[in-house]
């Protein structure tokens, strides 16, 4: 395996990690900002409210896009296993 091939595979893995994590992180970020603004406006500083809201947002996001994310992960893994002979030889 050449260094270029290794770097390409690492880049593909990092892109897949970004693709898999982005929807969850964006949902939690948006909910966190909204809850933070609401807590600042009402001066209610209860950390459990933000935690529960973020947890619900994460579960809802997983329910909506989980099938897509799992399909992409399975396709990536299958392609990686099929490329093993090329990577070794």
N, C-alpha and C. Protein backbone atom coordinates (compact mmCIF):
# COMPACT_ATOMS: atom_id res chain seq x y z
N UNK A 1 0.85 -1.16 0.00
CA UNK A 1 0.00 0.00 0.00
C UNK A 1 0.90 1.24 0.00
N UNK A 2 0.60 2.12 -0.91
CA UNK A 2 1.38 3.36 -1.00
C UNK A 2 0.86 4.39 -0.01
N UNK A 3 1.66 5.37 0.30
CA UNK A 3 1.18 6.42 1.22
C UNK A 3 -0.02 7.18 0.66
N UNK A 4 -0.07 7.34 -0.65
CA UNK A 4 -1.19 8.04 -1.26
C UNK A 4 -2.48 7.25 -1.07
N UNK A 5 -2.40 5.94 -1.22
CA UNK A 5 -3.57 5.09 -1.03
C UNK A 5 -4.03 5.15 0.42
N UNK A 6 -3.09 5.11 1.34
CA UNK A 6 -3.45 5.18 2.76
C UNK A 6 -4.11 6.51 3.09
N UNK A 7 -3.58 7.59 2.56
CA UNK A 7 -4.17 8.90 2.81
C UNK A 7 -5.56 9.01 2.19
N UNK A 8 -5.74 8.41 1.02
CA UNK A 8 -7.06 8.42 0.39
C UNK A 8 -8.08 7.67 1.24
N UNK A 9 -7.68 6.52 1.75
CA UNK A 9 -8.61 5.74 2.58
C UNK A 9 -8.90 6.45 3.90
N UNK A 10 -7.91 7.09 4.47
CA UNK A 10 -8.14 7.86 5.70
C UNK A 10 -9.09 9.02 5.43
N UNK A 11 -8.91 9.69 4.30
CA UNK A 11 -9.78 10.80 3.95
C UNK A 11 -11.21 10.32 3.73
N UNK A 12 -11.36 9.16 3.07
CA UNK A 12 -12.71 8.61 2.87
C UNK A 12 -13.36 8.26 4.20
N UNK A 13 -12.59 7.71 5.12
CA UNK A 13 -13.12 7.38 6.44
C UNK A 13 -13.53 8.62 7.21
N UNK A 14 -12.73 9.67 7.14
CA UNK A 14 -13.07 10.92 7.83
C UNK A 14 -14.31 11.58 7.20
N UNK A 15 -14.42 11.50 5.88
CA UNK A 15 -15.61 12.04 5.23
C UNK A 15 -16.86 11.28 5.66
N UNK A 16 -16.74 9.97 5.79
CA UNK A 16 -17.87 9.17 6.23
C UNK A 16 -18.24 9.51 7.67
N UNK A 17 -17.24 9.69 8.52
CA UNK A 17 -17.52 10.07 9.90
C UNK A 17 -18.21 11.43 9.97
N UNK A 18 -17.79 12.36 9.12
CA UNK A 18 -18.43 13.66 9.07
C UNK A 18 -19.87 13.55 8.58
N UNK A 19 -20.09 12.73 7.57
CA UNK A 19 -21.43 12.54 7.04
C UNK A 19 -22.35 11.90 8.08
N UNK A 20 -21.83 10.96 8.83
CA UNK A 20 -22.65 10.28 9.83
C UNK A 20 -22.93 11.15 11.05
N UNK A 21 -21.99 11.98 11.42
CA UNK A 21 -22.15 12.78 12.63
C UNK A 21 -22.82 14.13 12.41
N UNK A 22 -22.78 14.64 11.19
CA UNK A 22 -23.27 15.99 10.93
C UNK A 22 -24.76 16.18 11.25
N UNK A 23 -25.66 15.29 10.83
CA UNK A 23 -27.07 15.54 11.14
C UNK A 23 -27.36 15.60 12.64
N UNK A 24 -26.75 14.71 13.40
CA UNK A 24 -26.96 14.71 14.84
C UNK A 24 -26.38 15.96 15.49
N UNK A 25 -25.17 16.31 15.09
CA UNK A 25 -24.54 17.49 15.67
C UNK A 25 -25.28 18.78 15.33
N UNK A 26 -25.77 18.87 14.10
CA UNK A 26 -26.51 20.07 13.71
C UNK A 26 -27.83 20.18 14.46
N UNK A 27 -28.52 19.06 14.63
CA UNK A 27 -29.79 19.09 15.37
C UNK A 27 -29.56 19.50 16.81
N UNK A 28 -28.56 18.93 17.44
CA UNK A 28 -28.27 19.27 18.84
C UNK A 28 -27.80 20.71 18.95
N UNK A 29 -27.03 21.18 17.98
CA UNK A 29 -26.57 22.57 18.00
C UNK A 29 -27.75 23.54 17.91
N UNK A 30 -28.65 23.29 16.98
CA UNK A 30 -29.80 24.19 16.80
C UNK A 30 -30.67 24.19 18.06
N UNK A 31 -30.95 23.01 18.57
CA UNK A 31 -31.79 22.94 19.78
C UNK A 31 -31.08 23.61 20.95
N UNK A 32 -29.78 23.41 21.08
CA UNK A 32 -29.03 24.04 22.17
C UNK A 32 -29.08 25.55 22.11
N UNK A 33 -28.95 26.10 20.90
CA UNK A 33 -29.00 27.56 20.75
C UNK A 33 -30.39 28.08 21.08
N UNK A 34 -31.43 27.41 20.58
CA UNK A 34 -32.80 27.85 20.84
C UNK A 34 -33.11 27.79 22.33
N UNK A 35 -32.77 26.68 22.95
CA UNK A 35 -33.02 26.55 24.39
C UNK A 35 -32.20 27.57 25.17
N UNK A 36 -30.97 27.80 24.77
CA UNK A 36 -30.14 28.80 25.44
C UNK A 36 -30.73 30.20 25.35
N UNK A 37 -31.24 30.54 24.18
CA UNK A 37 -31.87 31.86 24.01
C UNK A 37 -33.12 31.96 24.86
N UNK A 38 -33.93 30.91 24.85
CA UNK A 38 -35.14 30.93 25.67
C UNK A 38 -34.81 30.99 27.16
N UNK A 39 -33.80 30.26 27.58
CA UNK A 39 -33.42 30.31 28.99
C UNK A 39 -32.87 31.69 29.37
N UNK A 40 -32.14 32.30 28.47
CA UNK A 40 -31.61 33.64 28.75
C UNK A 40 -32.74 34.66 28.80
N UNK A 41 -33.73 34.49 27.93
CA UNK A 41 -34.85 35.44 27.91
C UNK A 41 -35.73 35.31 29.14
N UNK A 42 -35.92 34.09 29.60
CA UNK A 42 -36.79 33.87 30.76
C UNK A 42 -36.02 33.79 32.07
N UNK A 43 -34.71 33.80 32.02
CA UNK A 43 -33.83 33.70 33.17
C UNK A 43 -34.06 32.42 33.97
N UNK A 44 -34.40 31.36 33.26
CA UNK A 44 -34.52 30.03 33.87
C UNK A 44 -33.25 29.28 33.51
N UNK A 45 -32.37 29.07 34.46
CA UNK A 45 -31.09 28.43 34.21
C UNK A 45 -31.09 27.02 34.77
N UNK A 46 -31.89 26.17 34.17
CA UNK A 46 -31.98 24.78 34.60
C UNK A 46 -31.29 23.91 33.54
N UNK A 47 -30.18 23.27 33.90
CA UNK A 47 -29.44 22.48 32.89
C UNK A 47 -30.19 21.26 32.40
N UNK A 48 -31.12 20.73 33.18
CA UNK A 48 -31.83 19.53 32.73
C UNK A 48 -32.76 19.84 31.57
N UNK A 49 -33.26 21.06 31.48
CA UNK A 49 -34.13 21.42 30.35
C UNK A 49 -33.34 21.32 29.05
N UNK A 50 -32.15 21.86 29.03
CA UNK A 50 -31.32 21.81 27.82
C UNK A 50 -30.94 20.38 27.50
N UNK A 51 -30.62 19.59 28.52
CA UNK A 51 -30.22 18.21 28.28
C UNK A 51 -31.37 17.40 27.69
N UNK A 52 -32.54 17.51 28.26
CA UNK A 52 -33.69 16.75 27.77
C UNK A 52 -34.05 17.19 26.36
N UNK A 53 -34.02 18.47 26.09
CA UNK A 53 -34.35 18.96 24.75
C UNK A 53 -33.35 18.43 23.72
N UNK A 54 -32.07 18.44 24.07
CA UNK A 54 -31.05 17.93 23.16
C UNK A 54 -31.20 16.42 22.95
N UNK A 55 -31.51 15.69 24.01
CA UNK A 55 -31.69 14.25 23.89
C UNK A 55 -32.89 13.92 23.00
N UNK A 56 -33.97 14.65 23.16
CA UNK A 56 -35.15 14.43 22.32
C UNK A 56 -34.84 14.77 20.86
N UNK A 57 -34.09 15.84 20.65
CA UNK A 57 -33.71 16.22 19.28
C UNK A 57 -32.83 15.15 18.65
N UNK A 58 -31.92 14.58 19.42
CA UNK A 58 -31.04 13.54 18.88
C UNK A 58 -31.82 12.28 18.53
N UNK A 59 -32.74 11.89 19.39
CA UNK A 59 -33.56 10.70 19.11
C UNK A 59 -34.44 10.94 17.89
N UNK A 60 -35.03 12.12 17.79
CA UNK A 60 -35.88 12.44 16.64
C UNK A 60 -35.07 12.45 15.34
N UNK A 61 -33.88 13.01 15.41
CA UNK A 61 -33.02 13.03 14.22
C UNK A 61 -32.62 11.62 13.81
N UNK A 62 -32.27 10.80 14.78
CA UNK A 62 -31.93 9.41 14.47
C UNK A 62 -33.12 8.67 13.88
N UNK A 63 -34.31 8.95 14.37
CA UNK A 63 -35.50 8.31 13.83
C UNK A 63 -35.76 8.74 12.38
N UNK A 64 -35.45 10.00 12.09
CA UNK A 64 -35.70 10.50 10.74
C UNK A 64 -34.64 10.09 9.72
N UNK A 65 -33.38 10.18 10.09
CA UNK A 65 -32.31 9.93 9.12
C UNK A 65 -31.47 8.70 9.44
N UNK A 66 -31.86 7.94 10.44
CA UNK A 66 -31.08 6.77 10.83
C UNK A 66 -30.97 5.73 9.74
N UNK A 67 -32.06 5.52 9.02
CA UNK A 67 -32.04 4.53 7.93
C UNK A 67 -31.06 4.95 6.84
N UNK A 68 -31.07 6.22 6.49
CA UNK A 68 -30.14 6.73 5.48
C UNK A 68 -28.69 6.59 5.95
N UNK A 69 -28.44 6.96 7.20
CA UNK A 69 -27.07 6.90 7.73
C UNK A 69 -26.58 5.45 7.80
N UNK A 70 -27.43 4.55 8.24
CA UNK A 70 -27.04 3.15 8.31
C UNK A 70 -26.78 2.58 6.92
N UNK A 71 -27.58 2.96 5.95
CA UNK A 71 -27.36 2.51 4.57
C UNK A 71 -26.04 2.99 4.02
N UNK A 72 -25.71 4.25 4.30
CA UNK A 72 -24.42 4.79 3.84
C UNK A 72 -23.24 4.08 4.51
N UNK A 73 -23.38 3.79 5.80
CA UNK A 73 -22.32 3.11 6.53
C UNK A 73 -22.12 1.68 6.02
N UNK A 74 -23.21 1.00 5.75
CA UNK A 74 -23.11 -0.37 5.22
C UNK A 74 -22.49 -0.35 3.83
N UNK A 75 -22.90 0.60 2.99
CA UNK A 75 -22.32 0.69 1.64
C UNK A 75 -20.83 1.01 1.71
N UNK A 76 -20.45 1.90 2.60
CA UNK A 76 -19.02 2.24 2.75
C UNK A 76 -18.22 1.03 3.20
N UNK A 77 -18.74 0.31 4.18
CA UNK A 77 -18.04 -0.86 4.69
C UNK A 77 -17.92 -1.95 3.63
N UNK A 78 -18.99 -2.16 2.88
CA UNK A 78 -18.96 -3.16 1.80
C UNK A 78 -17.93 -2.79 0.75
N UNK A 79 -17.90 -1.52 0.35
CA UNK A 79 -16.92 -1.07 -0.64
C UNK A 79 -15.50 -1.21 -0.11
N UNK A 80 -15.32 -0.92 1.16
CA UNK A 80 -13.99 -1.04 1.76
C UNK A 80 -13.53 -2.49 1.76
N UNK A 81 -14.41 -3.40 2.13
CA UNK A 81 -14.05 -4.82 2.11
C UNK A 81 -13.75 -5.31 0.68
N UNK A 82 -14.47 -4.78 -0.29
CA UNK A 82 -14.22 -5.18 -1.68
C UNK A 82 -12.91 -4.62 -2.20
N UNK A 83 -12.44 -3.51 -1.64
CA UNK A 83 -11.18 -2.91 -2.08
C UNK A 83 -9.96 -3.49 -1.38
N UNK A 84 -10.16 -4.37 -0.42
CA UNK A 84 -9.02 -4.91 0.33
C UNK A 84 -7.98 -5.57 -0.57
N UNK A 85 -8.36 -6.41 -1.55
CA UNK A 85 -7.33 -6.98 -2.42
C UNK A 85 -6.51 -5.93 -3.18
N UNK A 86 -7.20 -4.86 -3.59
CA UNK A 86 -6.50 -3.77 -4.29
C UNK A 86 -5.56 -3.03 -3.34
N UNK A 87 -5.99 -2.86 -2.11
CA UNK A 87 -5.17 -2.13 -1.14
C UNK A 87 -3.93 -2.91 -0.74
N UNK A 88 -4.07 -4.22 -0.63
CA UNK A 88 -2.94 -5.05 -0.20
C UNK A 88 -1.97 -5.27 -1.36
N UNK A 89 -2.52 -5.58 -2.51
CA UNK A 89 -1.67 -5.93 -3.66
C UNK A 89 -1.27 -4.78 -4.41
